[in-house]
Amino acid sequence: MHLEYFTFSGRVMALALMHKVQVGIVFDRAFFLQLAGMHITLEDIRDADPCLYSSCKQILQMDPEFIDSDALGLTFVREVEELGSRKVVELCPGGKSIVVNNKNREKYVDLLIQHCFVTSISEPVSRFARGFADILSISEQQKLFFQSLELEDLDWMLYGSENAICVEDWKAHTEYNGYKETDPQICWFWKVCSCMLMFLSHLNYKASLFYHILCSFFPYF
């Protein structure tokens, strides 16, 4: 049942992009690369799992003789927790009997990353992608859709811009429904906003922006 939440989340994100609505979230780089069908490297997990990143980095930088001495006691396995119990999962066939050494440590780190960020969460990611495709793209072209984007651009579209608020920019991109820009009520509104900007801090002004347009950031579109 919980997997349906990922399908639902995919639809929400697609609708947000379609209707240019900021939802206040950013995509993790590893998650974005999975949706794009791209390989995840060690540097891609730096923010997602700093502890694992640091551990893998140390393994790759250790002295070759120290690694070959089997001082770390590592084999090609990973311990995972499932339903309250812990179990050992092989990263490759026969992984329990393969000792990590200087020659294979890069392969070990790569397999560990792929298992943590791809294999072990493939079903939730697949469900999210399916929900996204229900709204915004067909499944066959979805990877191309994400490959055509930069992660920073996608984050700006979903989160908005944190640049200092400019009333003139806000005014220039406002659409009026039932009013004209020259109506007295509209003129009063912009006058009040300009005065508020002079006396309120940036955070308070963002709160005012949220009150009026239900979004604390200006759209990136």
C-alpha atoms as a PDB file:
ATOM      1  CA  MET A   1       0.000   0.000   0.000  1.00  0.00           C
ATOM      2  CA  HIS A   2       2.799   2.457   0.868  1.00  0.00           C
ATOM      3  CA  LEU A   3       4.138   2.208  -2.697  1.00  0.00           C
ATOM      4  CA  GLU A   4       1.001   3.954  -3.913  1.00  0.00           C
ATOM      5  CA  TYR A   5       2.192   7.066  -2.100  1.00  0.00           C
ATOM      6  CA  PHE A   6       5.170   7.212  -4.460  1.00  0.00           C
ATOM      7  CA  THR A   7       2.846   6.990  -7.463  1.00  0.00           C
ATOM      8  CA  PHE A   8       0.755   9.779  -5.983  1.00  0.00           C
ATOM      9  CA  SER A   9       3.870  11.889  -5.315  1.00  0.00           C
ATOM     10  CA  GLY A  10       4.953  11.490  -8.928  1.00  0.00           C
ATOM     11  CA  ARG A  11       1.595  12.798 -10.118  1.00  0.00           C
ATOM     12  CA  VAL A  12       1.758  15.759  -7.729  1.00  0.00           C
ATOM     13  CA  MET A  13       5.240  16.750  -8.948  1.00  0.00           C
ATOM     14  CA  ALA A  14       4.151  16.462 -12.586  1.00  0.00           C
ATOM     15  CA  LEU A  15       1.053  18.588 -11.942  1.00  0.00           C
ATOM     16  CA  ALA A  16       3.193  21.195 -10.169  1.00  0.00           C
ATOM     17  CA  LEU A  17       5.475  21.467 -13.193  1.00  0.00           C
ATOM     18  CA  MET A  18       2.560  21.519 -15.616  1.00  0.00           C
ATOM     19  CA  HIS A  19       0.754  24.331 -13.797  1.00  0.00           C
ATOM     20  CA  LYS A  20       3.911  26.232 -12.746  1.00  0.00           C
ATOM     21  CA  VAL A  21       3.223  25.823  -9.039  1.00  0.00           C
ATOM     22  CA  GLN A  22       6.086  25.878  -6.544  1.00  0.00           C
ATOM     23  CA  VAL A  23       5.734  23.141  -3.934  1.00  0.00           C
ATOM     24  CA  GLY A  24       8.778  23.984  -1.813  1.00  0.00           C
ATOM     25  CA  ILE A  25      10.852  20.853  -2.464  1.00  0.00           C
ATOM     26  CA  VAL A  26      14.100  19.999  -4.231  1.00  0.00           C
ATOM     27  CA  PHE A  27      15.169  16.693  -5.761  1.00  0.00           C
ATOM     28  CA  ASP A  28      18.090  14.751  -4.332  1.00  0.00           C
ATOM     29  CA  ARG A  29      20.759  14.376  -7.004  1.00  0.00           C
ATOM     30  CA  ALA A  30      20.874  10.576  -6.778  1.00  0.00           C
ATOM     31  CA  PHE A  31      17.092  10.382  -7.151  1.00  0.00           C
ATOM     32  CA  PHE A  32      17.148  12.735 -10.141  1.00  0.00           C
ATOM     33  CA  LEU A  33      19.855  10.665 -11.860  1.00  0.00           C
ATOM     34  CA  GLN A  34      17.783   7.512 -11.411  1.00  0.00           C
ATOM     35  CA  LEU A  35      14.804   9.134 -13.100  1.00  0.00           C
ATOM     36  CA  ALA A  36      17.122  10.168 -15.934  1.00  0.00           C
ATOM     37  CA  GLY A  37      18.507   6.631 -16.227  1.00  0.00           C
ATOM     38  CA  MET A  38      22.049   7.837 -15.527  1.00  0.00           C
ATOM     39  CA  HIS A  39      24.831   6.159 -13.557  1.00  0.00           C
ATOM     40  CA  ILE A  40      25.281   7.301  -9.952  1.00  0.00           C
ATOM     41  CA  THR A  41      28.851   7.970  -8.834  1.00  0.00           C
ATOM     42  CA  LEU A  42      30.434   8.556  -5.447  1.00  0.00           C
ATOM     43  CA  GLU A  43      30.324  12.343  -5.807  1.00  0.00           C
ATOM     44  CA  ASP A  44      26.587  12.187  -6.520  1.00  0.00           C
ATOM     45  CA  ILE A  45      25.820  10.858  -3.022  1.00  0.00           C
ATOM     46  CA  ARG A  46      27.815  13.486  -1.119  1.00  0.00           C
ATOM     47  CA  ASP A  47      24.701  15.323   0.118  1.00  0.00           C
ATOM     48  CA  ALA A  48      22.356  12.342   0.229  1.00  0.00           C
ATOM     49  CA  ASP A  49      24.495  10.256   2.591  1.00  0.00           C
ATOM     50  CA  PRO A  50      27.551  12.151   3.940  1.00  0.00           C
ATOM     51  CA  CYS A  51      28.511   9.242   6.199  1.00  0.00           C
ATOM     52  CA  LEU A  52      28.606   6.671   3.381  1.00  0.00           C
ATOM     53  CA  TYR A  53      30.344   9.171   1.124  1.00  0.00           C
ATOM     54  CA  SER A  54      33.066   9.759   3.704  1.00  0.00           C
ATOM     55  CA  SER A  55      33.548   6.025   4.345  1.00  0.00           C
ATOM     56  CA  CYS A  56      33.840   5.199   0.640  1.00  0.00           C
ATOM     57  CA  LYS A  57      36.198   8.104   0.108  1.00  0.00           C
ATOM     58  CA  GLN A  58      38.473   6.817   2.864  1.00  0.00           C
ATOM     59  CA  ILE A  59      38.504   3.299   1.410  1.00  0.00           C
ATOM     60  CA  LEU A  60      39.586   4.662  -1.980  1.00  0.00           C
ATOM     61  CA  GLN A  61      42.321   6.808  -0.442  1.00  0.00           C
ATOM     62  CA  MET A  62      43.804   4.254   1.943  1.00  0.00           C
ATOM     63  CA  ASP A  63      47.294   2.900   1.492  1.00  0.00           C
ATOM     64  CA  PRO A  64      47.280  -0.091  -0.921  1.00  0.00           C
ATOM     65  CA  GLU A  65      49.283  -2.280   1.453  1.00  0.00           C
ATOM     66  CA  PHE A  66      46.880  -1.536   4.306  1.00  0.00           C
ATOM     67  CA  ILE A  67      43.899  -2.522   2.149  1.00  0.00           C
ATOM     68  CA  ASP A  68      45.596  -5.723   0.967  1.00  0.00           C
ATOM     69  CA  SER A  69      46.313  -6.723   4.576  1.00  0.00           C
ATOM     70  CA  ASP A  70      42.552  -7.198   5.065  1.00  0.00           C
ATOM     71  CA  ALA A  71      42.714  -4.953   8.123  1.00  0.00           C
ATOM     72  CA  LEU A  72      39.206  -3.648   7.361  1.00  0.00           C
ATOM     73  CA  GLY A  73      37.705  -7.117   7.100  1.00  0.00           C
ATOM     74  CA  LEU A  74      35.456  -6.095   4.194  1.00  0.00           C
ATOM     75  CA  THR A  75      33.836  -8.405   1.658  1.00  0.00           C
ATOM     76  CA  PHE A  76      31.394  -7.663  -1.152  1.00  0.00           C
ATOM     77  CA  VAL A  77      28.329  -7.639   1.084  1.00  0.00           C
ATOM     78  CA  ARG A  78      26.080  -5.070   2.699  1.00  0.00           C
ATOM     79  CA  GLU A  79      24.108  -5.345   5.919  1.00  0.00           C
ATOM     80  CA  VAL A  80      20.546  -4.043   5.643  1.00  0.00           C
ATOM     81  CA  GLU A  81      17.615  -3.752   8.016  1.00  0.00           C
ATOM     82  CA  GLU A  82      14.288  -5.154   6.880  1.00  0.00           C
ATOM     83  CA  LEU A  83      11.121  -5.282   8.985  1.00  0.00           C
ATOM     84  CA  GLY A  84      13.063  -4.853  12.213  1.00  0.00           C
ATOM     85  CA  SER A  85      15.679  -7.521  11.499  1.00  0.00           C
ATOM     86  CA  ARG A  86      19.111  -7.247   9.942  1.00  0.00           C
ATOM     87  CA  LYS A  87      20.383  -9.385   7.092  1.00  0.00           C
ATOM     88  CA  VAL A  88      23.443  -9.582   4.876  1.00  0.00           C
ATOM     89  CA  VAL A  89      23.014  -8.979   1.148  1.00  0.00           C
ATOM     90  CA  GLU A  90      25.670  -9.849  -1.420  1.00  0.00           C
ATOM     91  CA  LEU A  91      26.638  -7.017  -3.745  1.00  0.00           C
ATOM     92  CA  CYS A  92      27.506  -9.542  -6.465  1.00  0.00           C
ATOM     93  CA  PRO A  93      27.321 -13.328  -6.870  1.00  0.00           C
ATOM     94  CA  GLY A  94      29.634 -14.933  -4.327  1.00  0.00           C
ATOM     95  CA  GLY A  95      30.220 -11.588  -2.646  1.00  0.00           C
ATOM     96  CA  LYS A  96      30.620 -13.114   0.825  1.00  0.00           C
ATOM     97  CA  SER A  97      33.828 -14.803  -0.242  1.00  0.00           C
ATOM     98  CA  ILE A  98      35.332 -11.855  -2.158  1.00  0.00           C
ATOM     99  CA  VAL A  99      37.697  -9.845   0.041  1.00  0.00           C
ATOM    100  CA  VAL A 100      38.065  -6.130  -0.698  1.00  0.00           C
ATOM    101  CA  ASN A 101      41.624  -5.358  -1.770  1.00  0.00           C
ATOM    102  CA  ASN A 102      43.541  -2.664  -3.609  1.00  0.00           C
ATOM    103  CA  LYS A 103      42.604  -4.011  -7.039  1.00  0.00           C
ATOM    104  CA  ASN A 104      38.860  -4.358  -6.500  1.00  0.00           C
ATOM    105  CA  ARG A 105      38.076  -1.562  -4.017  1.00  0.00           C
ATOM    106  CA  GLU A 106      36.774   0.778  -6.736  1.00  0.00           C
ATOM    107  CA  LYS A 107      34.404  -1.944  -7.914  1.00  0.00           C
ATOM    108  CA  TYR A 108      33.324  -2.544  -4.306  1.00  0.00           C
ATOM    109  CA  VAL A 109      32.519   1.127  -3.755  1.00  0.00           C
ATOM    110  CA  ASP A 110      30.602   1.325  -7.033  1.00  0.00           C
ATOM    111  CA  LEU A 111      28.547  -1.815  -6.283  1.00  0.00           C
ATOM    112  CA  LEU A 112      27.831  -0.549  -2.768  1.00  0.00           C
ATOM    113  CA  ILE A 113      26.561   2.774  -4.114  1.00  0.00           C
ATOM    114  CA  GLN A 114      24.435   1.094  -6.774  1.00  0.00           C
ATOM    115  CA  HIS A 115      22.843  -1.185  -4.199  1.00  0.00           C
ATOM    116  CA  CYS A 116      22.144   1.628  -1.717  1.00  0.00           C
ATOM    117  CA  PHE A 117      20.808   4.158  -4.199  1.00  0.00           C
ATOM    118  CA  VAL A 118      19.450   2.049  -7.065  1.00  0.00           C
ATOM    119  CA  THR A 119      18.763  -1.625  -6.374  1.00  0.00           C
ATOM    120  CA  SER A 120      17.329  -1.307  -2.870  1.00  0.00           C
ATOM    121  CA  ILE A 121      14.884   1.471  -3.794  1.00  0.00           C
ATOM    122  CA  SER A 122      14.116   0.548  -7.390  1.00  0.00           C
ATOM    123  CA  GLU A 123      10.442  -0.178  -6.702  1.00  0.00           C
ATOM    124  CA  PRO A 124       9.609   3.181  -5.027  1.00  0.00           C
ATOM    125  CA  VAL A 125      11.476   5.057  -7.774  1.00  0.00           C
ATOM    126  CA  SER A 126       9.637   3.055 -10.430  1.00  0.00           C
ATOM    127  CA  ARG A 127       6.298   3.898  -8.829  1.00  0.00           C
ATOM    128  CA  PHE A 128       7.181   7.603  -8.676  1.00  0.00           C
ATOM    129  CA  ALA A 129       8.204   7.540 -12.344  1.00  0.00           C
ATOM    130  CA  ARG A 130       4.964   5.804 -13.249  1.00  0.00           C
ATOM    131  CA  GLY A 131       2.890   8.446 -11.468  1.00  0.00           C
ATOM    132  CA  PHE A 132       4.888  11.237 -13.119  1.00  0.00           C
ATOM    133  CA  ALA A 133       4.359   9.666 -16.548  1.00  0.00           C
ATOM    134  CA  ASP A 134       0.602   9.478 -15.942  1.00  0.00           C
ATOM    135  CA  ILE A 135       0.492  13.278 -16.078  1.00  0.00           C
ATOM    136  CA  LEU A 136       3.413  14.771 -17.930  1.00  0.00           C
ATOM    137  CA  SER A 137       5.167  12.295 -20.201  1.00  0.00           C
ATOM    138  CA  ILE A 138       4.902   8.813 -21.606  1.00  0.00           C
ATOM    139  CA  SER A 139       7.074   6.171 -19.968  1.00  0.00           C
ATOM    140  CA  GLU A 140       9.217   5.575 -23.054  1.00  0.00           C
ATOM    141  CA  GLN A 141      10.313   9.216 -23.208  1.00  0.00           C
ATOM    142  CA  GLN A 142      10.518  10.005 -19.492  1.00  0.00           C
ATOM    143  CA  LYS A 143      14.273   9.410 -19.174  1.00  0.00           C
ATOM    144  CA  LEU A 144      14.854  11.746 -22.110  1.00  0.00           C
ATOM    145  CA  PHE A 145      12.711  14.355 -20.375  1.00  0.00           C
ATOM    146  CA  PHE A 146      14.894  14.326 -17.250  1.00  0.00           C
ATOM    147  CA  GLN A 147      18.108  14.032 -19.261  1.00  0.00           C
ATOM    148  CA  SER A 148      17.195  17.273 -21.019  1.00  0.00           C
ATOM    149  CA  LEU A 149      17.050  19.111 -17.682  1.00  0.00           C
ATOM    150  CA  GLU A 150      19.692  20.315 -15.263  1.00  0.00           C
ATOM    151  CA  LEU A 151      18.940  19.408 -11.655  1.00  0.00           C
ATOM    152  CA  GLU A 152      19.336  23.051 -10.595  1.00  0.00           C
ATOM    153  CA  ASP A 153      16.718  24.161 -13.141  1.00  0.00           C
ATOM    154  CA  LEU A 154      14.256  21.507 -11.967  1.00  0.00           C
ATOM    155  CA  ASP A 155      14.775  22.531  -8.350  1.00  0.00           C
ATOM    156  CA  TRP A 156      14.140  26.175  -9.199  1.00  0.00           C
ATOM    157  CA  MET A 157      10.932  25.234 -10.993  1.00  0.00           C
ATOM    158  CA  LEU A 158       9.667  23.225  -8.024  1.00  0.00           C
ATOM    159  CA  TYR A 159      11.070  25.385  -5.233  1.00  0.00           C
ATOM    160  CA  GLY A 160      11.234  28.864  -6.727  1.00  0.00           C
ATOM    161  CA  SER A 161      13.912  31.527  -6.641  1.00  0.00           C
ATOM    162  CA  GLU A 162      15.403  32.831  -3.391  1.00  0.00           C
ATOM    163  CA  ASN A 163      16.574  36.054  -4.990  1.00  0.00           C
ATOM    164  CA  ALA A 164      15.642  39.264  -3.197  1.00  0.00           C
ATOM    165  CA  ILE A 165      11.996  40.168  -3.819  1.00  0.00           C
ATOM    166  CA  CYS A 166      11.491  42.985  -6.303  1.00  0.00           C
ATOM    167  CA  VAL A 167       8.059  44.604  -6.387  1.00  0.00           C
ATOM    168  CA  GLU A 168       8.534  45.800  -9.965  1.00  0.00           C
ATOM    169  CA  ASP A 169       9.350  42.259 -11.100  1.00  0.00           C
ATOM    170  CA  TRP A 170       6.362  40.918  -9.164  1.00  0.00           C
ATOM    171  CA  LYS A 171       4.159  43.594 -10.726  1.00  0.00           C
ATOM    172  CA  ALA A 172       5.430  42.927 -14.261  1.00  0.00           C
ATOM    173  CA  HIS A 173       4.519  39.231 -14.040  1.00  0.00           C
ATOM    174  CA  THR A 174       1.129  39.558 -12.346  1.00  0.00           C
ATOM    175  CA  GLU A 175      -2.031  38.443 -14.141  1.00  0.00           C
ATOM    176  CA  TYR A 176      -5.235  40.237 -13.151  1.00  0.00           C
ATOM    177  CA  ASN A 177      -8.566  38.442 -12.985  1.00  0.00           C
ATOM    178  CA  GLY A 178     -11.523  40.824 -12.970  1.00  0.00           C
ATOM    179  CA  TYR A 179      -9.268  43.841 -12.481  1.00  0.00           C
ATOM    180  CA  LYS A 180      -7.036  46.100 -14.543  1.00  0.00           C
ATOM    181  CA  GLU A 181      -3.605  47.331 -13.590  1.00  0.00           C
ATOM    182  CA  THR A 182      -4.933  50.888 -13.443  1.00  0.00           C
ATOM    183  CA  ASP A 183      -7.825  50.141 -11.060  1.00  0.00           C
ATOM    184  CA  PRO A 184      -7.573  52.053  -7.741  1.00  0.00           C
ATOM    185  CA  GLN A 185      -7.522  48.864  -5.654  1.00  0.00           C
ATOM    186  CA  ILE A 186      -4.584  47.512  -7.653  1.00  0.00           C
ATOM    187  CA  CYS A 187      -2.679  50.779  -7.389  1.00  0.00           C
ATOM    188  CA  TRP A 188      -3.242  50.809  -3.626  1.00  0.00           C
ATOM    189  CA  PHE A 189      -2.008  47.227  -3.354  1.00  0.00           C
ATOM    190  CA  TRP A 190       1.281  47.925  -5.130  1.00  0.00           C
ATOM    191  CA  LYS A 191       1.779  51.090  -3.105  1.00  0.00           C
ATOM    192  CA  VAL A 192       1.359  49.129   0.135  1.00  0.00           C
ATOM    193  CA  CYS A 193       3.776  46.451  -1.089  1.00  0.00           C
ATOM    194  CA  SER A 194       6.401  49.033  -1.925  1.00  0.00           C
ATOM    195  CA  CYS A 195       6.052  50.597   1.509  1.00  0.00           C
ATOM    196  CA  MET A 196       6.250  47.190   3.204  1.00  0.00           C
ATOM    197  CA  LEU A 197       9.515  46.396   1.414  1.00  0.00           C
ATOM    198  CA  MET A 198      11.063  49.486   2.975  1.00  0.00           C
ATOM    199  CA  PHE A 199      10.240  48.480   6.551  1.00  0.00           C
ATOM    200  CA  LEU A 200      10.003  44.671   6.644  1.00  0.00           C
ATOM    201  CA  SER A 201      12.863  42.174   6.663  1.00  0.00           C
ATOM    202  CA  HIS A 202      13.282  39.754   3.752  1.00  0.00           C
ATOM    203  CA  LEU A 203      11.699  36.913   5.765  1.00  0.00           C
ATOM    204  CA  ASN A 204       8.666  38.986   6.734  1.00  0.00           C
ATOM    205  CA  TYR A 205       8.241  40.099   3.157  1.00  0.00           C
ATOM    206  CA  LYS A 206       8.314  36.478   2.014  1.00  0.00           C
ATOM    207  CA  ALA A 207       5.533  35.798   4.518  1.00  0.00           C
ATOM    208  CA  SER A 208       3.536  38.623   2.942  1.00  0.00           C
ATOM    209  CA  LEU A 209       4.170  37.169  -0.507  1.00  0.00           C
ATOM    210  CA  PHE A 210       2.900  33.785   0.691  1.00  0.00           C
ATOM    211  CA  TYR A 211      -0.238  35.428   2.094  1.00  0.00           C
ATOM    212  CA  HIS A 212      -1.095  36.943  -1.280  1.00  0.00           C
ATOM    213  CA  ILE A 213      -0.058  34.230  -3.746  1.00  0.00           C
ATOM    214  CA  LEU A 214       0.332  31.105  -1.529  1.00  0.00           C
ATOM    215  CA  CYS A 215       4.021  30.886  -2.405  1.00  0.00           C
ATOM    216  CA  SER A 216       7.057  32.254  -0.556  1.00  0.00           C
ATOM    217  CA  PHE A 217       9.232  32.449  -3.670  1.00  0.00           C
ATOM    218  CA  PHE A 218       8.906  33.928  -7.103  1.00  0.00           C
ATOM    219  CA  PRO A 219       8.482  31.360  -9.884  1.00  0.00           C
ATOM    220  CA  TYR A 220      11.573  30.538 -11.922  1.00  0.00           C
ATOM    221  CA  PHE A 221       9.645  30.234 -15.217  1.00  0.00           C
END
